[in-house]
């Protein structure tokens, strides 16, 4: 669900869905549908990254010229993957498209144009559909940006992470601060809607340096900013050899200072790590947080689809070569299950409680086919602990709840069998 730029981060909790028993569910209308397209390759694997991304073998210039991706084969597989999934989404319109990875900007402009044309011919897109592409500043140039825009991309997400060359080197990024600034300037000439992805809590970073990154980003007046704390995830190079990162209290101070600086600059803090100018919230990610539906195609892509009597989850084969082979065999889906009705409250809250402004009770009932009273005891407990705020039928995380989101989510991780 994410890649080299704007990251869709779900809190990691020890949870596994129980066996499905969807018979008690009844959905009258499905939620909005988004399309996620995963491009799994990167020039090199960042040491902090635990997403499904795979480094390309180096070419003659190992630093900047990796071997090319098998674009033609992969585009053919993506289209076949989509066609196999069409019976599950027939007649539904696509509200947003997100090309994530990996590094989708490794695609050629011509290849992306062909892919978008193929997607449009098989699924109806809303005329105003938001189409986002993630880009790594080290893999783009003016010609590619122009081609991506001409193909139909109307929102670009740049994985900047930092403007400090020392910090960029420490987290293994292939671009430097000069390339970061050049990429933003180029993006601004072609796209009116640009997200900049930033990280804080980097090895050796001070509070002043974290704010310097924010000020550098604000100098470009981006429509959207995503600001994440660096975390050391399992199965990454950093997990094997952890860097020295700022203490938790300093990271909390960075978070507070970043939120204050962006609020002062007029940015709406609408989701845990997302800030936007007025009207520029990422519609694709909002659909995730509102527990909408998404069809994911590509290596390792996930889907969540609401059928008339169940919520279906799928995962595609993760390895690029394995994915290509399985699609050719007509079996792109590695894992599929219907979510047990008792698990839907937690799944809903896992997403909706990331929204700073919260949600209305009606959304819970529409998206889960369950009455709010089914989680009333959990809501009361969370309110007593100061983790949520309730105003009539509106529910939102408190400031304390946002700071301790995993603790809040644990309140809804209960055995309902």
Foldseek 3Di string as FASTA:
>chain_A
DAALFDDDDFDDDPDDFDAADLQVFFAPDAFAEAAEEEDAEACDDWQQDPDLHDHADQDPPSLQHGDADPLVLQLVLLLLQVVLCCVQQPPHEHQEYEYHYHAPLSDALVSLLVSVVSVCVRHPYDPPRAYEYEHELSRDDLVRLQSVVVSPHAEYTYNLAFLAQVQCVQRPRSDHNVSSVVSLVSNVVRYPAYEYEYEDQTFPDALVRLVVRVVVVCVSVHQKYFYYYRDRDPPGNCVVPPGHTDDPVRVVVSVVVSVVVLVVVQWDPWFLGMTGHPPRPDPVLVCQLLLHWYDYTDAQTKTWGDDRRFIKIWTFHHDRVVQSVCSVVVHRTPDMHTGHLLCLVLSNCSRQQRTQQGDFQVSSCNNSVDHPVVCVVLVVVCVVVQQWDDDPRGIYGDPVVSVVVVVSSVSSPDDPD
